[in-house]
Amino acid sequence: MFRYHLMTLIEKKSFDDGRRVTINDISDATGIHRATLSKMINAPGCNVTLDTIDRLCKFFQVPVEQIIEHIPDK
């Protein structure tokens, strides 16, 4: 399963920018649909494309390891 660290990145960017960063802000800047971003936040293990991960890496200016984490099955 994969865990996305989108909320952590949103909180950090909001703090760094001194303003609230919303899903709409990210969607507008990246072209990623709001529903996809919402799923990444609320549905652990949801399936997203590598293009989506790439766009988020560019938006947050972080390596992929800070966006997604692999959790081995038990």
Protein backbone atom coordinates (compact mmCIF):
# COMPACT_ATOMS: atom_id res chain seq x y z
CA MET A 1 0.00 0.00 0.00
CA PHE A 2 1.07 3.59 -0.49
CA ARG A 3 0.66 6.46 1.93
CA TYR A 4 0.55 10.02 0.63
CA HIS A 5 1.90 12.88 2.71
CA LEU A 6 -0.19 15.54 0.99
CA MET A 7 -1.69 17.05 4.16
CA THR A 8 1.75 17.41 5.73
CA LEU A 9 3.02 19.18 2.61
CA ILE A 10 -0.02 21.46 2.49
CA GLU A 11 0.44 22.42 6.13
CA LYS A 12 4.16 23.13 5.61
CA LYS A 13 3.53 25.20 2.47
CA SER A 14 0.78 27.14 4.23
CA PHE A 15 3.15 27.93 7.09
CA ASP A 16 6.05 28.83 4.77
CA ASP A 17 3.85 31.03 2.54
CA GLY A 18 2.07 32.67 5.48
CA ARG A 19 -1.34 31.89 4.01
CA ARG A 20 -3.75 28.99 3.81
CA VAL A 21 -3.04 26.74 0.81
CA THR A 22 -6.18 24.94 -0.35
CA ILE A 23 -6.90 21.96 -2.57
CA ASN A 24 -8.30 24.46 -5.07
CA ASP A 25 -4.97 26.33 -5.09
CA ILE A 26 -3.09 23.10 -5.80
CA SER A 27 -5.61 22.02 -8.43
CA ASP A 28 -5.40 25.38 -10.22
CA ALA A 29 -1.59 25.40 -10.16
CA THR A 30 -1.06 21.76 -11.21
CA GLY A 31 -4.08 20.82 -13.30
CA ILE A 32 -4.78 17.90 -10.96
CA HIS A 33 -8.51 17.45 -10.40
CA ARG A 34 -9.79 18.33 -6.91
CA ALA A 35 -11.32 14.87 -6.55
CA THR A 36 -7.93 13.24 -7.09
CA LEU A 37 -6.32 15.43 -4.44
CA SER A 38 -9.18 14.73 -2.05
CA LYS A 39 -8.81 10.97 -2.60
CA MET A 40 -5.09 11.20 -1.88
CA ILE A 41 -5.88 12.87 1.43
CA ASN A 42 -8.88 10.78 2.51
CA ALA A 43 -8.46 7.32 0.92
CA PRO A 44 -5.20 5.63 1.93
CA GLY A 45 -3.77 3.54 -0.88
CA CYS A 46 -5.77 5.17 -3.67
CA ASN A 47 -4.33 4.80 -7.14
CA VAL A 48 -2.87 7.90 -8.84
CA THR A 49 -0.70 8.29 -11.93
CA LEU A 50 2.99 9.05 -11.96
CA ASP A 51 2.12 12.27 -13.78
CA THR A 52 0.12 13.35 -10.71
CA ILE A 53 3.06 12.56 -8.43
CA ASP A 54 5.40 14.47 -10.77
CA ARG A 55 3.16 17.54 -10.76
CA LEU A 56 2.99 17.50 -6.96
CA CYS A 57 6.78 17.18 -6.71
CA LYS A 58 7.11 20.28 -8.89
CA PHE A 59 4.42 22.23 -7.01
CA PHE A 60 5.84 21.53 -3.55
CA GLN A 61 9.45 21.49 -4.84
CA VAL A 62 10.22 18.23 -3.05
CA PRO A 63 11.55 14.80 -4.07
CA VAL A 64 9.08 11.98 -4.58
CA GLU A 65 10.02 10.46 -1.20
CA GLN A 66 8.34 13.38 0.56
CA ILE A 67 5.05 12.83 -1.32
CA ILE A 68 4.60 9.07 -1.26
CA GLU A 69 5.68 6.26 1.06
CA HIS A 70 5.46 2.52 0.47
CA ILE A 71 3.97 0.56 3.37
CA PRO A 72 4.68 -3.19 3.04
CA ASP A 73 1.77 -5.59 3.47
CA LYS A 74 1.71 -7.50 6.75
